[in-house]
Amino acid sequence: MLVEMTELLGRQVFTPEGRLLGEVGNIVVDVEGTKIDGLFIDEPSALLVEDSKPINIPYRWVASVNDVVLLKYFPKRVSVKRAPKAPAPAEAAAPAAR
């Protein structure tokens, strides 16, 4: 079954366990390789993705596409990496004690 890329937009995406991850909001395309690289989920389930941050699902994780998209792999939970805190301006400007 051939599916046009635009037909994927709005389709529900389910994990291998049958949990609703979210809907396809956009498609990531590898222009040079002329293939779909990933599916962008705008508002994923808060149960599966911390803070419901948008995520890109690699297309290699897709098992099948029909009325819905079924994944063959998805981690138990996706966490957001926190950037290390920058030092306060007063701490950064203070000269080192000798």
N, C-alpha and C. Protein backbone atom coordinates (compact mmCIF):
# COMPACT_ATOMS: atom_id res chain seq x y z
N MET A 1 0.84 -1.18 0.00
CA MET A 1 0.00 0.00 0.00
C MET A 1 0.89 1.24 0.00
N LEU A 2 0.71 2.09 -0.96
CA LEU A 2 1.45 3.35 -1.03
C LEU A 2 0.66 4.44 -0.35
N VAL A 3 1.36 5.25 0.42
CA VAL A 3 0.72 6.36 1.12
C VAL A 3 1.50 7.62 0.78
N GLU A 4 0.81 8.67 0.38
CA GLU A 4 1.50 9.93 0.13
C GLU A 4 1.86 10.55 1.47
N MET A 5 2.96 11.30 1.47
CA MET A 5 3.43 11.89 2.73
C MET A 5 2.37 12.75 3.38
N THR A 6 1.65 13.54 2.61
CA THR A 6 0.65 14.44 3.20
C THR A 6 -0.48 13.66 3.87
N GLU A 7 -0.69 12.41 3.47
CA GLU A 7 -1.74 11.59 4.09
C GLU A 7 -1.36 11.18 5.52
N LEU A 8 -0.07 11.26 5.87
CA LEU A 8 0.37 10.91 7.22
C LEU A 8 0.01 11.98 8.24
N LEU A 9 -0.12 13.22 7.78
CA LEU A 9 -0.42 14.32 8.70
C LEU A 9 -1.74 14.08 9.42
N GLY A 10 -1.70 14.22 10.74
CA GLY A 10 -2.91 14.04 11.55
C GLY A 10 -3.18 12.61 11.97
N ARG A 11 -2.44 11.65 11.45
CA ARG A 11 -2.67 10.25 11.84
C ARG A 11 -2.16 10.00 13.26
N GLN A 12 -2.89 9.19 13.99
CA GLN A 12 -2.49 8.85 15.35
C GLN A 12 -1.31 7.88 15.31
N VAL A 13 -0.39 8.05 16.28
CA VAL A 13 0.80 7.21 16.38
C VAL A 13 0.70 6.41 17.68
N PHE A 14 0.88 5.09 17.57
CA PHE A 14 0.79 4.20 18.72
C PHE A 14 2.11 3.48 18.96
N THR A 15 2.45 3.29 20.24
CA THR A 15 3.65 2.56 20.62
C THR A 15 3.41 1.06 20.38
N PRO A 16 4.46 0.24 20.46
CA PRO A 16 4.27 -1.21 20.29
C PRO A 16 3.32 -1.82 21.32
N GLU A 17 3.20 -1.17 22.49
CA GLU A 17 2.29 -1.66 23.54
C GLU A 17 0.85 -1.19 23.32
N GLY A 18 0.61 -0.38 22.28
CA GLY A 18 -0.73 0.10 21.99
C GLY A 18 -1.09 1.41 22.67
N ARG A 19 -0.11 2.11 23.23
CA ARG A 19 -0.39 3.40 23.89
C ARG A 19 -0.34 4.52 22.85
N LEU A 20 -1.30 5.43 22.95
CA LEU A 20 -1.36 6.56 22.03
C LEU A 20 -0.25 7.54 22.37
N LEU A 21 0.65 7.76 21.41
CA LEU A 21 1.75 8.71 21.58
C LEU A 21 1.31 10.11 21.20
N GLY A 22 0.59 10.24 20.13
CA GLY A 22 0.13 11.55 19.65
C GLY A 22 -0.23 11.46 18.18
N GLU A 23 -0.29 12.62 17.54
CA GLU A 23 -0.61 12.68 16.11
C GLU A 23 0.56 13.25 15.33
N VAL A 24 0.70 12.81 14.09
CA VAL A 24 1.75 13.31 13.22
C VAL A 24 1.44 14.77 12.89
N GLY A 25 2.34 15.67 13.29
CA GLY A 25 2.15 17.09 13.04
C GLY A 25 2.90 17.56 11.81
N ASN A 26 4.00 16.85 11.50
CA ASN A 26 4.81 17.20 10.35
C ASN A 26 5.67 16.01 9.98
N ILE A 27 6.29 16.09 8.82
CA ILE A 27 7.13 15.01 8.33
C ILE A 27 8.53 15.56 8.09
N VAL A 28 9.54 14.86 8.59
CA VAL A 28 10.93 15.26 8.39
C VAL A 28 11.45 14.48 7.18
N VAL A 29 11.94 15.21 6.17
CA VAL A 29 12.36 14.59 4.92
C VAL A 29 13.86 14.74 4.71
N ASP A 30 14.50 13.67 4.31
CA ASP A 30 15.90 13.70 3.88
C ASP A 30 15.87 14.00 2.39
N VAL A 31 16.10 15.27 2.03
CA VAL A 31 15.97 15.71 0.65
C VAL A 31 17.02 15.04 -0.23
N GLU A 32 18.26 14.96 0.25
CA GLU A 32 19.32 14.35 -0.55
C GLU A 32 19.07 12.87 -0.78
N GLY A 33 18.58 12.19 0.25
CA GLY A 33 18.29 10.76 0.13
C GLY A 33 16.91 10.46 -0.41
N THR A 34 16.11 11.51 -0.63
CA THR A 34 14.73 11.40 -1.13
C THR A 34 13.92 10.35 -0.37
N LYS A 35 13.92 10.49 0.96
CA LYS A 35 13.15 9.57 1.78
C LYS A 35 12.66 10.27 3.04
N ILE A 36 11.67 9.67 3.68
CA ILE A 36 11.17 10.18 4.95
C ILE A 36 12.20 9.83 6.03
N ASP A 37 12.58 10.83 6.82
CA ASP A 37 13.57 10.63 7.87
C ASP A 37 12.90 10.47 9.23
N GLY A 38 11.75 11.12 9.44
CA GLY A 38 11.09 11.02 10.73
C GLY A 38 9.70 11.61 10.72
N LEU A 39 8.99 11.36 11.81
CA LEU A 39 7.65 11.90 12.02
C LEU A 39 7.72 12.83 13.23
N PHE A 40 7.26 14.05 13.07
CA PHE A 40 7.30 15.04 14.13
C PHE A 40 5.97 15.03 14.86
N ILE A 41 6.02 14.81 16.17
CA ILE A 41 4.82 14.78 17.02
C ILE A 41 4.81 16.07 17.82
N ASP A 42 3.82 16.95 17.55
CA ASP A 42 3.75 18.26 18.20
C ASP A 42 3.43 18.18 19.69
N GLU A 43 2.43 17.40 20.04
CA GLU A 43 1.97 17.32 21.43
C GLU A 43 1.86 15.86 21.86
N PRO A 44 3.00 15.22 22.17
CA PRO A 44 2.94 13.82 22.59
C PRO A 44 2.31 13.67 23.97
N SER A 45 1.90 12.47 24.27
CA SER A 45 1.31 12.15 25.56
C SER A 45 2.27 12.46 26.70
N ALA A 46 1.77 13.13 27.72
CA ALA A 46 2.60 13.45 28.90
C ALA A 46 2.99 12.19 29.67
N LEU A 47 2.27 11.09 29.47
CA LEU A 47 2.62 9.83 30.12
C LEU A 47 3.87 9.21 29.50
N LEU A 48 4.15 9.57 28.24
CA LEU A 48 5.28 8.98 27.53
C LEU A 48 6.44 9.94 27.32
N VAL A 49 6.15 11.24 27.27
CA VAL A 49 7.18 12.25 27.02
C VAL A 49 7.07 13.34 28.07
N GLU A 50 8.17 13.57 28.79
CA GLU A 50 8.19 14.57 29.85
C GLU A 50 7.77 15.94 29.32
N ASP A 51 6.88 16.59 30.02
CA ASP A 51 6.37 17.92 29.70
C ASP A 51 5.71 18.01 28.33
N SER A 52 5.38 16.87 27.73
CA SER A 52 4.75 16.83 26.40
C SER A 52 5.53 17.65 25.37
N LYS A 53 6.86 17.62 25.49
CA LYS A 53 7.72 18.35 24.54
C LYS A 53 7.61 17.71 23.16
N PRO A 54 7.58 18.51 22.10
CA PRO A 54 7.55 17.95 20.74
C PRO A 54 8.75 17.04 20.50
N ILE A 55 8.52 15.95 19.76
CA ILE A 55 9.59 15.00 19.47
C ILE A 55 9.58 14.59 18.01
N ASN A 56 10.72 14.11 17.54
CA ASN A 56 10.86 13.57 16.20
C ASN A 56 11.09 12.06 16.33
N ILE A 57 10.22 11.28 15.75
CA ILE A 57 10.33 9.83 15.78
C ILE A 57 11.09 9.39 14.53
N PRO A 58 12.23 8.71 14.66
CA PRO A 58 12.93 8.22 13.47
C PRO A 58 12.01 7.29 12.68
N TYR A 59 11.99 7.44 11.37
CA TYR A 59 11.07 6.63 10.56
C TYR A 59 11.43 5.14 10.62
N ARG A 60 12.67 4.83 10.95
CA ARG A 60 13.05 3.42 11.07
C ARG A 60 12.32 2.73 12.22
N TRP A 61 11.73 3.50 13.14
CA TRP A 61 10.96 2.94 14.24
C TRP A 61 9.53 2.59 13.83
N VAL A 62 9.11 2.99 12.65
CA VAL A 62 7.74 2.74 12.19
C VAL A 62 7.61 1.30 11.70
N ALA A 63 6.63 0.58 12.24
CA ALA A 63 6.38 -0.81 11.84
C ALA A 63 5.40 -0.85 10.69
N SER A 64 4.32 -0.06 10.77
CA SER A 64 3.32 -0.07 9.71
C SER A 64 2.52 1.23 9.70
N VAL A 65 2.00 1.54 8.53
CA VAL A 65 1.16 2.71 8.34
C VAL A 65 -0.11 2.27 7.65
N ASN A 66 -1.23 2.57 8.26
CA ASN A 66 -2.53 2.30 7.66
C ASN A 66 -3.44 3.42 8.12
N ASP A 67 -4.52 3.12 8.81
CA ASP A 67 -5.37 4.17 9.37
C ASP A 67 -4.65 4.89 10.50
N VAL A 68 -3.73 4.18 11.15
CA VAL A 68 -2.89 4.74 12.21
C VAL A 68 -1.44 4.36 11.91
N VAL A 69 -0.51 4.96 12.66
CA VAL A 69 0.91 4.61 12.53
C VAL A 69 1.27 3.78 13.75
N LEU A 70 1.81 2.59 13.51
CA LEU A 70 2.22 1.71 14.59
C LEU A 70 3.75 1.64 14.63
N LEU A 71 4.31 1.90 15.81
CA LEU A 71 5.76 1.88 15.97
C LEU A 71 6.21 0.48 16.37
N LYS A 72 7.41 0.10 15.91
CA LYS A 72 7.98 -1.18 16.35
C LYS A 72 8.90 -0.98 17.55
N TYR A 73 9.24 0.30 17.83
CA TYR A 73 10.07 0.61 18.99
C TYR A 73 9.70 1.99 19.52
N PHE A 74 9.70 2.13 20.84
CA PHE A 74 9.59 3.42 21.50
C PHE A 74 10.05 3.22 22.94
N PRO A 75 10.90 4.11 23.48
CA PRO A 75 11.37 3.95 24.86
C PRO A 75 10.21 4.01 25.86
N LYS A 76 10.43 3.48 27.04
CA LYS A 76 9.39 3.49 28.08
C LYS A 76 8.93 4.92 28.38
N ARG A 77 9.88 5.85 28.47
CA ARG A 77 9.55 7.26 28.73
C ARG A 77 10.70 8.11 28.22
N VAL A 78 10.36 9.25 27.63
CA VAL A 78 11.35 10.18 27.11
C VAL A 78 11.48 11.32 28.11
N SER A 79 12.72 11.56 28.56
CA SER A 79 12.99 12.66 29.50
C SER A 79 13.71 13.79 28.78
N VAL A 80 13.52 14.99 29.29
CA VAL A 80 14.15 16.17 28.72
C VAL A 80 15.50 16.36 29.38
N LYS A 81 16.55 16.54 28.58
CA LYS A 81 17.87 16.81 29.13
C LYS A 81 17.91 18.24 29.61
N ARG A 82 18.42 18.43 30.80
CA ARG A 82 18.55 19.76 31.38
C ARG A 82 19.95 20.28 31.12
N ALA A 83 20.06 21.51 30.66
CA ALA A 83 21.36 22.13 30.44
C ALA A 83 21.94 22.52 31.79
N PRO A 84 23.26 22.42 31.96
CA PRO A 84 23.86 22.82 33.24
C PRO A 84 23.64 24.32 33.46
N LYS A 85 23.43 24.66 34.72
CA LYS A 85 23.18 26.07 35.04
C LYS A 85 24.47 26.87 34.87
N ALA A 86 24.33 28.06 34.29
CA ALA A 86 25.47 28.96 34.14
C ALA A 86 25.73 29.63 35.49
N PRO A 87 26.99 29.94 35.80
CA PRO A 87 27.27 30.60 37.08
C PRO A 87 26.64 31.99 37.11
N ALA A 88 26.28 32.43 38.28
CA ALA A 88 25.69 33.77 38.44
C ALA A 88 26.73 34.80 38.03
N PRO A 89 26.31 35.95 37.52
CA PRO A 89 27.27 36.98 37.07
C PRO A 89 28.28 37.37 38.13
N ALA A 90 27.89 37.46 39.40
CA ALA A 90 28.82 37.87 40.47
C ALA A 90 29.89 36.79 40.68
N GLU A 91 29.50 35.51 40.57
CA GLU A 91 30.45 34.42 40.74
C GLU A 91 31.44 34.36 39.60
N ALA A 92 30.97 34.62 38.38
CA ALA A 92 31.83 34.54 37.20
C ALA A 92 32.84 35.68 37.17
N ALA A 93 32.48 36.86 37.70
CA ALA A 93 33.34 38.03 37.64
C ALA A 93 34.33 38.12 38.81
N ALA A 94 34.10 37.35 39.87
CA ALA A 94 34.96 37.42 41.05
C ALA A 94 36.33 36.83 40.75
N PRO A 95 37.42 37.53 41.13
CA PRO A 95 38.75 37.01 40.90
C PRO A 95 39.02 35.81 41.81
N ALA A 96 39.85 34.91 41.36
CA ALA A 96 40.19 33.75 42.15
C ALA A 96 41.07 34.13 43.33
N ALA A 97 40.82 33.55 44.50
CA ALA A 97 41.63 33.83 45.70
C ALA A 97 42.94 33.07 45.60
N ARG A 98 44.02 33.72 46.06
CA ARG A 98 45.33 33.06 45.99
C ARG A 98 45.79 32.64 47.34
